[in-house]
Amino acid sequence: MPKQDQQQGKRWYVLHTYSGYEENVSRNLKQRIESMDMEDKIFDVLIPMETKIKIKNGKRKKVQEKIFPGYVLVNMVVTDASWYVVRNTPNVTGFVGSGNIPTPVSEEEIKSLMDRIGKDEPEFKIDMIAGDNVRIVDGPFKDFEGKVSEVDEVRGKAKVLVSMFGRETPVELDFLQIK
């Protein structure tokens, strides 16, 4: 059978796994594909991850986070043999779909997911302007309320006037520290 014909039924499917075992499933499935000679039916295994910014100890850190914890994507042609290999991989609880029939993910969903995965730099989306009242949710001024005096979208910072001891004090905060 020519390689082109084999890849015609090639679609992305979603596997449900035990949460926290996604890397384990990916590694085991890749080994099983190789050892059971399924490279012509199962083409790719993907754990969708994205870069997020977290603040820890007052410092900004980029971290990789799973977009869908407990799920792994598999690009494959579904046959009885390929279904069996994937379904019987340790820690796989099943395909997402109705009954025993896996439901493929639409091309549009895969394209938007790949765009989301491909971004190295997380975007800041902040919907605040000077004059807005905000609550500080992190850092030394946690639980204080204040008024935004300026917004620096490029740096991801805002100056907030916090009332301390009867006077307003400007404090520069990260977007992630205020709501």
Protein backbone atom coordinates (compact mmCIF):
# COMPACT_ATOMS: atom_id res chain seq x y z
CA MET A 1 0.00 0.00 0.00
CA PRO A 2 1.53 3.39 -0.96
CA LYS A 3 2.36 5.71 1.93
CA GLN A 4 -0.03 8.38 0.62
CA ASP A 5 -3.05 6.05 0.91
CA GLN A 6 -2.09 5.11 4.47
CA GLN A 7 -2.06 8.74 5.55
CA GLN A 8 -5.49 9.63 4.13
CA GLY A 9 -7.34 8.61 7.28
CA LYS A 10 -4.74 10.41 9.42
CA ARG A 11 -6.51 12.55 12.05
CA TRP A 12 -5.88 13.88 15.56
CA TYR A 13 -7.61 12.09 18.44
CA VAL A 14 -7.76 12.85 22.14
CA LEU A 15 -6.73 10.28 24.76
CA HIS A 16 -7.90 10.50 28.34
CA THR A 17 -5.17 9.61 30.83
CA TYR A 18 -4.77 9.56 34.56
CA SER A 19 -3.99 13.14 35.58
CA GLY A 20 -0.27 13.71 36.07
CA TYR A 21 0.65 10.74 33.87
CA GLU A 22 0.61 12.57 30.51
CA GLU A 23 4.41 12.45 30.04
CA ASN A 24 4.44 8.82 31.12
CA VAL A 25 1.71 7.95 28.57
CA SER A 26 3.51 9.88 25.82
CA ARG A 27 6.81 8.10 26.50
CA ASN A 28 5.20 4.64 26.77
CA LEU A 29 3.11 5.15 23.65
CA LYS A 30 6.14 6.25 21.61
CA GLN A 31 8.00 3.11 22.76
CA ARG A 32 5.01 0.90 21.90
CA ILE A 33 4.66 2.48 18.44
CA GLU A 34 8.30 1.62 17.74
CA SER A 35 8.32 -1.86 19.28
CA MET A 36 5.01 -2.91 17.67
CA ASP A 37 5.99 -1.45 14.28
CA MET A 38 3.09 1.04 14.12
CA GLU A 39 4.97 4.02 12.62
CA ASP A 40 2.81 3.73 9.49
CA LYS A 41 -0.44 4.10 11.52
CA ILE A 42 0.45 6.26 14.56
CA PHE A 43 2.42 9.36 13.59
CA ASP A 44 2.65 11.75 16.51
CA VAL A 45 1.94 12.03 20.26
CA LEU A 46 1.48 15.52 21.71
CA ILE A 47 0.91 16.97 25.19
CA PRO A 48 -0.45 20.49 24.57
CA MET A 49 1.58 22.96 26.67
CA GLU A 50 1.71 26.75 26.81
CA THR A 51 4.00 29.29 28.43
CA LYS A 52 2.49 31.24 31.32
CA ILE A 53 3.88 33.87 33.64
CA LYS A 54 3.72 33.24 37.38
CA ILE A 55 4.98 35.38 40.22
CA LYS A 56 6.91 33.54 42.90
CA ASN A 57 8.71 35.38 45.71
CA GLY A 58 8.07 38.66 43.91
CA LYS A 59 9.88 37.45 40.78
CA ARG A 60 8.32 36.82 37.41
CA LYS A 61 8.87 33.31 36.04
CA LYS A 62 7.86 31.69 32.79
CA VAL A 63 6.46 28.21 33.30
CA GLN A 64 5.19 25.54 30.91
CA GLU A 65 1.67 24.46 31.80
CA LYS A 66 -0.52 21.76 30.33
CA ILE A 67 -3.45 23.25 28.45
CA PHE A 68 -5.60 20.15 29.02
CA PRO A 69 -4.40 18.23 32.10
CA GLY A 70 -5.29 14.56 31.83
CA TYR A 71 -5.36 14.54 28.02
CA VAL A 72 -2.87 13.64 25.28
CA LEU A 73 -3.32 14.16 21.52
CA VAL A 74 -2.45 11.40 19.05
CA ASN A 75 -2.16 11.80 15.28
CA MET A 76 -3.06 8.44 13.77
CA VAL A 77 -5.06 6.34 11.34
CA VAL A 78 -7.60 4.34 13.37
CA THR A 79 -7.53 0.62 12.62
CA ASP A 80 -8.24 -2.28 14.98
CA ALA A 81 -4.48 -2.76 15.47
CA SER A 82 -3.60 0.93 16.04
CA TRP A 83 -6.63 1.38 18.34
CA TYR A 84 -5.49 -1.66 20.36
CA VAL A 85 -1.88 -0.35 20.71
CA VAL A 86 -3.03 3.07 21.93
CA ARG A 87 -5.92 1.87 24.10
CA ASN A 88 -3.76 -0.68 25.93
CA THR A 89 -0.92 1.72 26.75
CA PRO A 90 -0.48 1.92 30.55
CA ASN A 91 -2.37 4.83 32.22
CA VAL A 92 -4.59 5.47 29.17
CA THR A 93 -8.22 5.35 30.30
CA GLY A 94 -9.62 5.63 26.77
CA PHE A 95 -10.27 7.74 23.70
CA VAL A 96 -12.54 10.76 23.87
CA GLY A 97 -15.63 9.87 21.84
CA SER A 98 -18.83 7.92 22.10
CA GLY A 99 -18.51 4.31 23.16
CA ASN A 100 -15.54 2.52 21.58
CA ILE A 101 -15.41 4.84 18.54
CA PRO A 102 -12.84 7.66 18.90
CA THR A 103 -14.02 11.06 17.67
CA PRO A 104 -11.42 13.00 15.65
CA VAL A 105 -10.67 16.61 16.56
CA SER A 106 -11.68 19.10 13.86
CA GLU A 107 -8.94 20.68 11.71
CA GLU A 108 -9.93 24.18 12.94
CA GLU A 109 -9.52 23.16 16.59
CA ILE A 110 -6.12 21.59 15.88
CA LYS A 111 -4.97 24.69 13.98
CA SER A 112 -5.99 27.05 16.81
CA LEU A 113 -4.40 24.74 19.39
CA MET A 114 -1.12 24.59 17.41
CA ASP A 115 -1.13 28.41 17.20
CA ARG A 116 -1.60 28.59 20.97
CA ILE A 117 1.19 26.07 21.60
CA GLY A 118 3.57 27.84 19.21
CA LYS A 119 3.60 31.12 21.16
CA ASP A 120 6.77 31.49 23.20
CA GLU A 121 5.81 34.81 24.75
CA PRO A 122 2.63 34.95 26.79
CA GLU A 123 0.60 38.06 26.06
CA PHE A 124 -0.49 40.58 28.67
CA LYS A 125 -4.13 41.42 28.42
CA ILE A 126 -5.06 43.97 31.01
CA ASP A 127 -8.33 45.79 31.05
CA MET A 128 -7.56 48.66 33.37
CA ILE A 129 -6.97 52.35 32.87
CA ALA A 130 -5.74 55.17 35.07
CA GLY A 131 -8.36 55.97 37.70
CA ASP A 132 -9.64 52.38 38.16
CA ASN A 133 -9.93 51.05 41.71
CA VAL A 134 -8.01 47.80 42.21
CA ARG A 135 -7.23 45.26 44.94
CA ILE A 136 -3.65 44.01 45.40
CA VAL A 137 -3.62 40.21 45.49
CA ASP A 138 0.11 39.48 45.90
CA GLY A 139 3.25 40.96 47.42
CA PRO A 140 3.90 43.09 50.51
CA PHE A 141 0.75 45.20 49.91
CA LYS A 142 -1.56 42.17 49.60
CA ASP A 143 -5.23 42.96 50.41
CA PHE A 144 -4.67 46.73 50.11
CA GLU A 145 -6.91 48.67 47.77
CA GLY A 146 -5.75 51.52 45.60
CA LYS A 147 -6.30 53.59 42.50
CA VAL A 148 -4.36 53.07 39.26
CA SER A 149 -2.33 56.20 38.38
CA GLU A 150 -0.55 54.87 35.26
CA VAL A 151 -0.41 51.70 33.15
CA ASP A 152 2.72 50.45 31.35
CA GLU A 153 1.49 47.67 29.04
CA VAL A 154 4.92 47.08 27.49
CA ARG A 155 6.51 46.14 30.83
CA GLY A 156 3.35 44.59 32.28
CA LYS A 157 3.36 47.01 35.23
CA ALA A 158 0.98 49.55 36.76
CA LYS A 159 1.49 52.34 39.31
CA VAL A 160 -1.13 52.16 42.03
CA LEU A 161 -1.75 54.83 44.67
CA VAL A 162 -2.18 53.03 47.99
CA SER A 163 -3.48 54.88 51.05
CA MET A 164 -1.10 54.30 53.99
CA PHE A 165 -1.11 56.27 57.23
CA GLY A 166 -3.49 58.86 55.78
CA ARG A 167 -1.52 59.60 52.61
CA GLU A 168 -1.39 58.15 49.12
CA THR A 169 1.82 56.33 48.25
CA PRO A 170 2.63 55.25 44.66
CA VAL A 171 3.51 51.55 44.36
CA GLU A 172 4.69 49.88 41.13
CA LEU A 173 3.08 46.47 40.72
CA ASP A 174 2.99 43.71 38.15
CA PHE A 175 -0.31 43.16 36.33
CA LEU A 176 -0.49 39.73 37.94
CA GLN A 177 -0.45 41.30 41.41
CA ILE A 178 -3.67 43.30 41.02
CA LYS A 179 -7.32 42.65 40.27
